[in-house]
Protein backbone atom coordinates (compact mmCIF):
# COMPACT_ATOMS: atom_id res chain seq x y z
CA MET A 1 15.98 -71.73 52.44
CA PHE A 2 16.53 -73.95 48.75
CA THR A 3 15.61 -77.78 47.68
CA GLY A 4 18.03 -77.80 44.75
CA ILE A 5 14.83 -78.06 41.94
CA VAL A 6 14.55 -75.15 40.04
CA GLN A 7 10.78 -73.97 39.72
CA GLY A 8 11.40 -72.88 35.95
CA LYS A 9 13.13 -70.31 34.21
CA ALA A 10 12.65 -66.13 34.70
CA ARG A 11 13.50 -63.54 32.23
CA VAL A 12 15.75 -60.98 32.90
CA VAL A 13 13.60 -57.20 31.90
CA ALA A 14 15.35 -54.86 33.71
CA LEU A 15 19.19 -53.72 34.63
CA GLN A 16 20.20 -50.57 36.32
CA ARG A 17 23.90 -50.87 36.33
CA HIS A 18 26.72 -49.29 39.56
CA PRO A 19 29.59 -48.73 41.41
CA GLN A 20 29.44 -51.73 43.08
CA PHE A 21 26.23 -52.08 43.10
CA MET A 22 23.31 -53.78 40.10
CA GLN A 23 18.97 -53.43 40.95
CA LEU A 24 18.00 -56.58 38.56
CA SER A 25 14.16 -57.45 37.67
CA LEU A 26 12.99 -60.68 36.81
CA ASP A 27 9.99 -61.53 34.94
CA LEU A 28 8.35 -64.76 36.85
CA PRO A 29 5.94 -67.38 35.04
CA PRO A 30 2.34 -66.92 36.19
CA ALA A 31 1.91 -69.49 38.13
CA ARG A 32 5.07 -69.45 40.12
CA ALA A 33 4.40 -65.26 41.54
CA ASN A 34 1.35 -65.72 43.11
CA GLN A 35 1.57 -64.81 47.28
CA LEU A 36 4.93 -63.30 46.76
CA GLU A 37 6.07 -60.51 49.49
CA GLN A 38 8.39 -57.79 49.80
CA GLY A 39 11.47 -59.64 51.67
CA ALA A 40 11.25 -62.25 50.73
CA SER A 41 13.73 -64.66 49.10
CA ILE A 42 13.50 -66.16 46.13
CA ALA A 43 17.00 -68.21 43.93
CA VAL A 44 18.40 -66.84 41.42
CA ASN A 45 20.58 -69.62 39.05
CA GLY A 46 21.47 -70.28 42.46
CA THR A 47 21.86 -66.90 44.59
CA CYS A 48 19.39 -66.72 47.41
CA LEU A 49 18.04 -62.87 46.85
CA THR A 50 15.52 -60.48 48.45
CA VAL A 51 12.75 -59.54 46.79
CA THR A 52 12.85 -55.67 47.42
CA GLY A 53 9.31 -54.76 45.01
CA PHE A 54 6.90 -56.82 43.01
CA GLU A 55 4.36 -56.03 40.57
CA GLY A 56 1.89 -58.30 38.71
CA THR A 57 5.01 -61.34 37.75
CA ARG A 58 7.76 -58.71 38.29
CA VAL A 59 9.75 -59.59 41.05
CA ASP A 60 13.32 -56.97 42.17
CA PHE A 61 15.98 -57.31 43.23
CA ASP A 62 19.51 -55.77 44.66
CA LEU A 63 22.85 -56.83 44.35
CA ILE A 64 25.68 -56.68 46.45
CA VAL A 65 29.32 -56.25 45.58
CA GLU A 66 29.99 -59.30 46.87
CA THR A 67 27.43 -60.87 45.11
CA LEU A 68 28.06 -59.63 41.83
CA ARG A 69 31.92 -61.08 42.70
CA ALA A 70 30.84 -64.31 43.65
CA THR A 71 28.50 -65.69 40.97
CA ASN A 72 27.65 -64.85 37.61
CA LEU A 73 24.37 -62.52 37.51
CA GLY A 74 26.70 -59.54 37.32
CA GLU A 75 27.30 -60.49 33.07
CA LEU A 76 23.22 -60.96 32.48
CA ASN A 77 21.59 -58.89 30.33
CA LEU A 78 18.11 -58.01 28.86
CA GLY A 79 15.93 -60.64 27.39
CA ASP A 80 18.41 -63.93 29.44
CA GLU A 81 17.05 -66.59 31.63
CA VAL A 82 17.66 -67.55 34.87
CA ASN A 83 16.37 -70.79 36.93
CA PHE A 84 14.50 -69.06 39.30
CA GLU A 85 13.50 -71.39 43.19
CA ARG A 86 10.84 -69.51 45.57
CA ALA A 87 12.26 -70.08 48.81
CA ALA A 88 10.58 -74.00 50.66
CA ARG A 89 8.02 -74.10 53.18
CA PHE A 90 7.49 -76.18 56.60
CA GLY A 91 6.43 -79.50 54.45
CA ASP A 92 7.26 -79.33 51.18
CA GLU A 93 8.58 -82.68 49.19
CA ILE A 94 12.80 -81.95 49.72
CA GLY A 95 13.43 -83.68 45.77
CA GLY A 96 16.95 -82.63 45.93
CA HIS A 97 18.97 -82.05 48.86
CA LEU A 98 19.32 -78.69 50.80
CA LEU A 99 20.80 -75.59 49.83
CA SER A 100 21.27 -71.83 51.33
CA GLY A 101 21.40 -70.26 48.16
CA HIS A 102 25.27 -68.97 49.70
CA VAL A 103 27.23 -69.50 45.89
CA HIS A 104 30.88 -70.42 46.68
CA ALA A 105 32.44 -69.69 43.26
CA THR A 106 31.43 -70.25 39.59
CA ALA A 107 32.65 -73.17 37.71
CA GLU A 108 33.29 -73.16 34.03
CA ILE A 109 31.71 -75.17 31.68
CA VAL A 110 34.28 -77.48 29.86
CA SER A 111 33.00 -79.55 27.52
CA ILE A 112 28.64 -80.15 25.85
CA GLU A 113 29.18 -83.77 24.98
CA SER A 114 24.69 -84.53 23.93
CA THR A 115 23.02 -87.67 23.08
CA GLU A 116 19.48 -89.45 22.23
CA HIS A 117 17.97 -89.25 26.00
CA ASN A 118 20.74 -87.59 28.23
CA CYS A 119 24.02 -84.16 28.03
CA ILE A 120 26.74 -84.73 29.96
CA ILE A 121 28.57 -82.22 31.29
CA SER A 122 31.96 -81.09 32.27
CA PHE A 123 32.68 -78.62 34.51
CA ALA A 124 36.14 -77.17 35.97
CA VAL A 125 36.17 -76.50 39.43
CA PRO A 126 38.48 -74.03 41.40
CA THR A 127 41.11 -75.70 43.26
CA ALA A 128 39.69 -74.44 46.46
CA LEU A 129 36.22 -76.26 46.01
CA GLN A 130 38.25 -79.73 44.92
CA LYS A 131 37.87 -81.50 48.15
CA TYR A 132 34.81 -81.27 48.17
CA ILE A 133 33.76 -82.43 45.00
CA LEU A 134 33.10 -86.38 45.02
CA PRO A 135 31.94 -88.81 43.05
CA LYS A 136 28.20 -89.38 44.10
CA GLY A 137 28.29 -86.45 46.20
CA PHE A 138 25.46 -84.02 45.61
CA VAL A 139 26.54 -79.95 43.94
CA ALA A 140 23.85 -76.99 43.14
CA LEU A 141 24.30 -75.39 39.86
CA ASN A 142 22.74 -72.32 38.61
CA GLY A 143 20.60 -73.62 41.97
CA CYS A 144 20.18 -77.04 40.46
CA SER A 145 20.55 -79.98 43.08
CA LEU A 146 23.31 -82.34 41.21
CA THR A 147 24.01 -85.53 41.17
CA ILE A 148 28.30 -85.69 40.66
CA GLY A 149 29.66 -88.18 38.02
CA GLU A 150 32.83 -88.96 37.04
CA VAL A 151 36.41 -86.50 39.00
CA GLN A 152 39.40 -85.93 37.51
CA ASN A 153 42.20 -84.26 36.34
CA GLY A 154 40.39 -80.62 38.10
CA GLN A 155 37.05 -81.23 36.29
CA PHE A 156 33.99 -83.28 37.49
CA ASN A 157 30.25 -84.25 35.41
CA VAL A 158 26.75 -84.53 35.70
CA TYR A 159 24.80 -86.40 33.47
CA LEU A 160 21.56 -84.16 32.54
CA ILE A 161 17.75 -85.60 31.39
CA PRO A 162 16.08 -84.23 29.53
CA GLU A 163 13.50 -82.57 32.03
CA THR A 164 16.36 -81.15 33.27
CA LEU A 165 16.98 -79.52 30.02
CA ALA A 166 13.28 -78.24 29.74
CA VAL A 167 13.71 -76.80 32.76
CA THR A 168 16.07 -75.02 33.52
CA ARG A 169 18.81 -73.24 31.86
CA PHE A 170 21.29 -76.42 31.40
CA GLY A 171 19.58 -77.09 27.46
CA SER A 172 21.29 -73.87 26.19
CA ALA A 173 24.07 -73.61 28.01
CA ARG A 174 27.35 -73.11 25.50
CA VAL A 175 30.87 -74.35 26.79
CA GLY A 176 32.65 -71.44 28.16
CA GLU A 177 29.64 -70.03 30.51
CA ARG A 178 30.36 -69.58 34.09
CA ILE A 179 27.53 -71.69 36.40
CA ASN A 180 26.99 -71.16 39.96
CA LEU A 181 28.25 -73.72 42.41
CA GLU A 182 27.35 -73.99 45.46
CA VAL A 183 28.79 -77.09 47.11
CA ASP A 184 27.23 -79.73 49.34
CA PRO A 185 27.36 -78.69 53.37
CA HIS A 186 27.38 -81.87 55.00
CA THR A 187 30.51 -83.26 52.19
CA GLN A 188 31.58 -79.29 52.64
CA ALA A 189 31.36 -80.08 57.15
CA VAL A 190 32.52 -84.01 56.74
CA VAL A 191 35.60 -82.70 54.81
CA ASP A 192 36.93 -80.11 57.48
CA THR A 193 36.42 -82.31 60.13
CA VAL A 194 37.82 -84.49 58.95
CA GLU A 195 41.46 -82.15 57.63
CA ARG A 196 41.35 -80.50 61.74
CA TYR A 197 41.56 -83.80 63.73
CA LEU A 198 44.16 -85.29 60.95
CA GLU A 199 45.89 -81.49 61.33
CA ALA A 200 45.24 -81.88 65.65
CA GLN A 201 46.59 -85.61 65.51
CA SER A 202 49.98 -84.33 62.80
CA LYS A 203 50.92 -82.16 66.30
CA ALA A 204 49.81 -84.82 69.04
């Protein structure tokens, strides 16, 4: 389980691509590379990955076909940076919202508007997920827990403060980039329950 509070950026130091499979190695900041264990979970751009090996600050992962299909991790290249979060422990502060690390789809950045103290990024939502994107609701984007701003015409935006831009990859985001999206599980549960109830009522 994760909190959506990105702990920093890690750099891609090795990639091995195979048919429908990829091996990925990241270099974590030294302060975040302590007490690593094989089999532990780390969210990489919001995607829950299992540690298959580690040495010093280097951490290795295996990415299977579904991960490559549903996320943006298959687009990574050597030297790229990714957001990361180590798995939450009992007693940790939940500063964002609870995340599973199971990415639903990717959302494309359609515009970036920067001002002196804010950055507004707009995303195109996949049609199947639009019903879960509600104003002032939660969403996870590349593993970052964010509050949804405006929603209209199949798009939504988020407002980012300088701290978020500095700690995460959003400070170097580009229009057209695909961002991993995990909808809020509580919102999803409520929407799906209401839909099933209304469908049952219509058939009664």
